[in-house]
Amino acid sequence: MPGRVEVSACGRYLTGGVFMAFFASFIQTAVKFIIMAAVAGCGLFLGKKLRDRKDV
């Protein structure tokens, strides 16, 4: 049937929309994680630079 994907691990059929929703949610979560990690990394880097500048 068009639009259906067989999952061989459990032998059941799922519609393509289920996989699209899962991957969309996964990608959205991954992008949020990357953005938060980048902001945290910038905060650590900037904090160290400002602390070193304050000690002088």
N, C-alpha and C. Protein backbone atom coordinates (compact mmCIF):
# COMPACT_ATOMS: atom_id res chain seq x y z
N MET A 1 0.83 -1.19 0.00
CA MET A 1 0.00 0.00 0.00
C MET A 1 0.87 1.25 0.00
N PRO A 2 0.55 2.23 -0.80
CA PRO A 2 1.34 3.46 -0.77
C PRO A 2 1.13 4.21 0.55
N GLY A 3 2.21 4.81 1.05
CA GLY A 3 2.11 5.57 2.28
C GLY A 3 2.25 4.73 3.54
N ARG A 4 2.53 3.44 3.39
CA ARG A 4 2.71 2.58 4.55
C ARG A 4 4.12 2.01 4.53
N VAL A 5 4.70 1.91 5.71
CA VAL A 5 6.05 1.41 5.83
C VAL A 5 6.03 0.22 6.78
N GLU A 6 6.68 -0.86 6.38
CA GLU A 6 6.71 -2.04 7.25
C GLU A 6 7.90 -1.92 8.20
N VAL A 7 7.65 -2.17 9.46
CA VAL A 7 8.70 -2.20 10.46
C VAL A 7 9.02 -3.67 10.69
N SER A 8 10.19 -4.08 10.23
CA SER A 8 10.51 -5.51 10.27
C SER A 8 10.79 -6.01 11.68
N ALA A 9 11.20 -5.15 12.59
CA ALA A 9 11.53 -5.59 13.94
C ALA A 9 10.32 -6.16 14.64
N CYS A 10 9.17 -5.53 14.48
CA CYS A 10 7.98 -6.02 15.16
C CYS A 10 6.95 -6.54 14.16
N GLY A 11 7.19 -6.37 12.87
CA GLY A 11 6.30 -6.91 11.85
C GLY A 11 4.99 -6.17 11.72
N ARG A 12 4.90 -4.96 12.21
CA ARG A 12 3.67 -4.18 12.12
C ARG A 12 3.81 -3.10 11.07
N TYR A 13 2.67 -2.57 10.67
CA TYR A 13 2.66 -1.49 9.69
C TYR A 13 2.37 -0.16 10.38
N LEU A 14 3.13 0.85 10.00
CA LEU A 14 2.89 2.20 10.52
C LEU A 14 2.84 3.14 9.33
N THR A 15 2.04 4.16 9.45
CA THR A 15 1.96 5.12 8.36
C THR A 15 3.21 5.98 8.33
N GLY A 16 3.50 6.54 7.17
CA GLY A 16 4.66 7.40 7.04
C GLY A 16 4.57 8.64 7.90
N GLY A 17 3.36 9.09 8.22
CA GLY A 17 3.18 10.28 9.04
C GLY A 17 3.71 10.11 10.45
N VAL A 18 3.67 8.89 10.97
CA VAL A 18 4.19 8.63 12.32
C VAL A 18 5.69 8.86 12.33
N PHE A 19 6.38 8.36 11.29
CA PHE A 19 7.83 8.55 11.22
C PHE A 19 8.17 10.01 11.00
N MET A 20 7.39 10.70 10.17
CA MET A 20 7.65 12.12 9.91
C MET A 20 7.48 12.93 11.20
N ALA A 21 6.47 12.62 11.97
CA ALA A 21 6.23 13.34 13.22
C ALA A 21 7.37 13.07 14.20
N PHE A 22 7.81 11.83 14.27
CA PHE A 22 8.92 11.49 15.17
C PHE A 22 10.18 12.22 14.78
N PHE A 23 10.54 12.17 13.50
CA PHE A 23 11.77 12.81 13.05
C PHE A 23 11.68 14.33 13.16
N ALA A 24 10.52 14.91 12.93
CA ALA A 24 10.36 16.36 13.09
C ALA A 24 10.57 16.74 14.55
N SER A 25 10.01 15.98 15.45
CA SER A 25 10.18 16.25 16.88
C SER A 25 11.64 16.04 17.29
N PHE A 26 12.26 15.00 16.77
CA PHE A 26 13.67 14.70 17.08
C PHE A 26 14.58 15.83 16.59
N ILE A 27 14.36 16.28 15.37
CA ILE A 27 15.19 17.35 14.81
C ILE A 27 14.99 18.64 15.59
N GLN A 28 13.75 18.92 15.96
CA GLN A 28 13.45 20.13 16.73
C GLN A 28 14.16 20.09 18.08
N THR A 29 14.14 18.95 18.74
CA THR A 29 14.81 18.80 20.03
C THR A 29 16.32 18.91 19.87
N ALA A 30 16.87 18.33 18.80
CA ALA A 30 18.30 18.40 18.56
C ALA A 30 18.75 19.83 18.30
N VAL A 31 17.96 20.60 17.56
CA VAL A 31 18.31 22.00 17.30
C VAL A 31 18.28 22.80 18.59
N LYS A 32 17.28 22.56 19.44
CA LYS A 32 17.22 23.26 20.73
C LYS A 32 18.45 22.93 21.58
N PHE A 33 18.85 21.65 21.59
CA PHE A 33 20.01 21.23 22.36
C PHE A 33 21.27 21.92 21.85
N ILE A 34 21.43 21.99 20.54
CA ILE A 34 22.62 22.62 19.95
C ILE A 34 22.66 24.10 20.30
N ILE A 35 21.52 24.77 20.22
CA ILE A 35 21.48 26.20 20.55
C ILE A 35 21.81 26.42 22.03
N MET A 36 21.23 25.60 22.92
CA MET A 36 21.51 25.76 24.35
C MET A 36 22.97 25.46 24.67
N ALA A 37 23.55 24.45 24.01
CA ALA A 37 24.96 24.13 24.24
C ALA A 37 25.86 25.26 23.75
N ALA A 38 25.51 25.87 22.62
CA ALA A 38 26.30 26.99 22.10
C ALA A 38 26.23 28.19 23.04
N VAL A 39 25.05 28.50 23.56
CA VAL A 39 24.91 29.62 24.49
C VAL A 39 25.69 29.34 25.78
N ALA A 40 25.63 28.11 26.26
CA ALA A 40 26.37 27.76 27.47
C ALA A 40 27.87 27.86 27.23
N GLY A 41 28.34 27.38 26.09
CA GLY A 41 29.76 27.46 25.76
C GLY A 41 30.23 28.90 25.65
N CYS A 42 29.42 29.74 25.01
CA CYS A 42 29.77 31.16 24.90
C CYS A 42 29.80 31.80 26.28
N GLY A 43 28.88 31.43 27.15
CA GLY A 43 28.86 31.98 28.50
C GLY A 43 30.11 31.59 29.29
N LEU A 44 30.53 30.35 29.17
CA LEU A 44 31.75 29.92 29.86
C LEU A 44 32.97 30.67 29.32
N PHE A 45 33.07 30.75 28.01
CA PHE A 45 34.20 31.43 27.39
C PHE A 45 34.24 32.91 27.78
N LEU A 46 33.09 33.57 27.68
CA LEU A 46 33.02 34.99 28.01
C LEU A 46 33.29 35.22 29.50
N GLY A 47 32.76 34.34 30.35
CA GLY A 47 33.00 34.47 31.79
C GLY A 47 34.47 34.34 32.14
N LYS A 48 35.16 33.40 31.51
CA LYS A 48 36.60 33.26 31.77
C LYS A 48 37.36 34.48 31.30
N LYS A 49 37.00 35.00 30.13
CA LYS A 49 37.69 36.19 29.60
C LYS A 49 37.47 37.39 30.51
N LEU A 50 36.24 37.59 30.96
CA LEU A 50 35.95 38.73 31.84
C LEU A 50 36.63 38.57 33.20
N ARG A 51 36.69 37.36 33.71
CA ARG A 51 37.35 37.12 35.00
C ARG A 51 38.84 37.41 34.88
N ASP A 52 39.47 36.95 33.79
CA ASP A 52 40.90 37.21 33.59
C ASP A 52 41.16 38.70 33.45
N ARG A 53 40.27 39.40 32.81
CA ARG A 53 40.43 40.85 32.61
C ARG A 53 40.27 41.59 33.95
N LYS A 54 39.39 41.07 34.81
CA LYS A 54 39.15 41.71 36.11
C LYS A 54 40.35 41.56 37.05
N ASP A 55 41.07 40.45 36.94
CA ASP A 55 42.22 40.18 37.83
C ASP A 55 43.39 41.09 37.56
N VAL A 56 43.47 41.71 36.40
CA VAL A 56 44.63 42.53 36.03
C VAL A 56 44.63 43.85 36.74
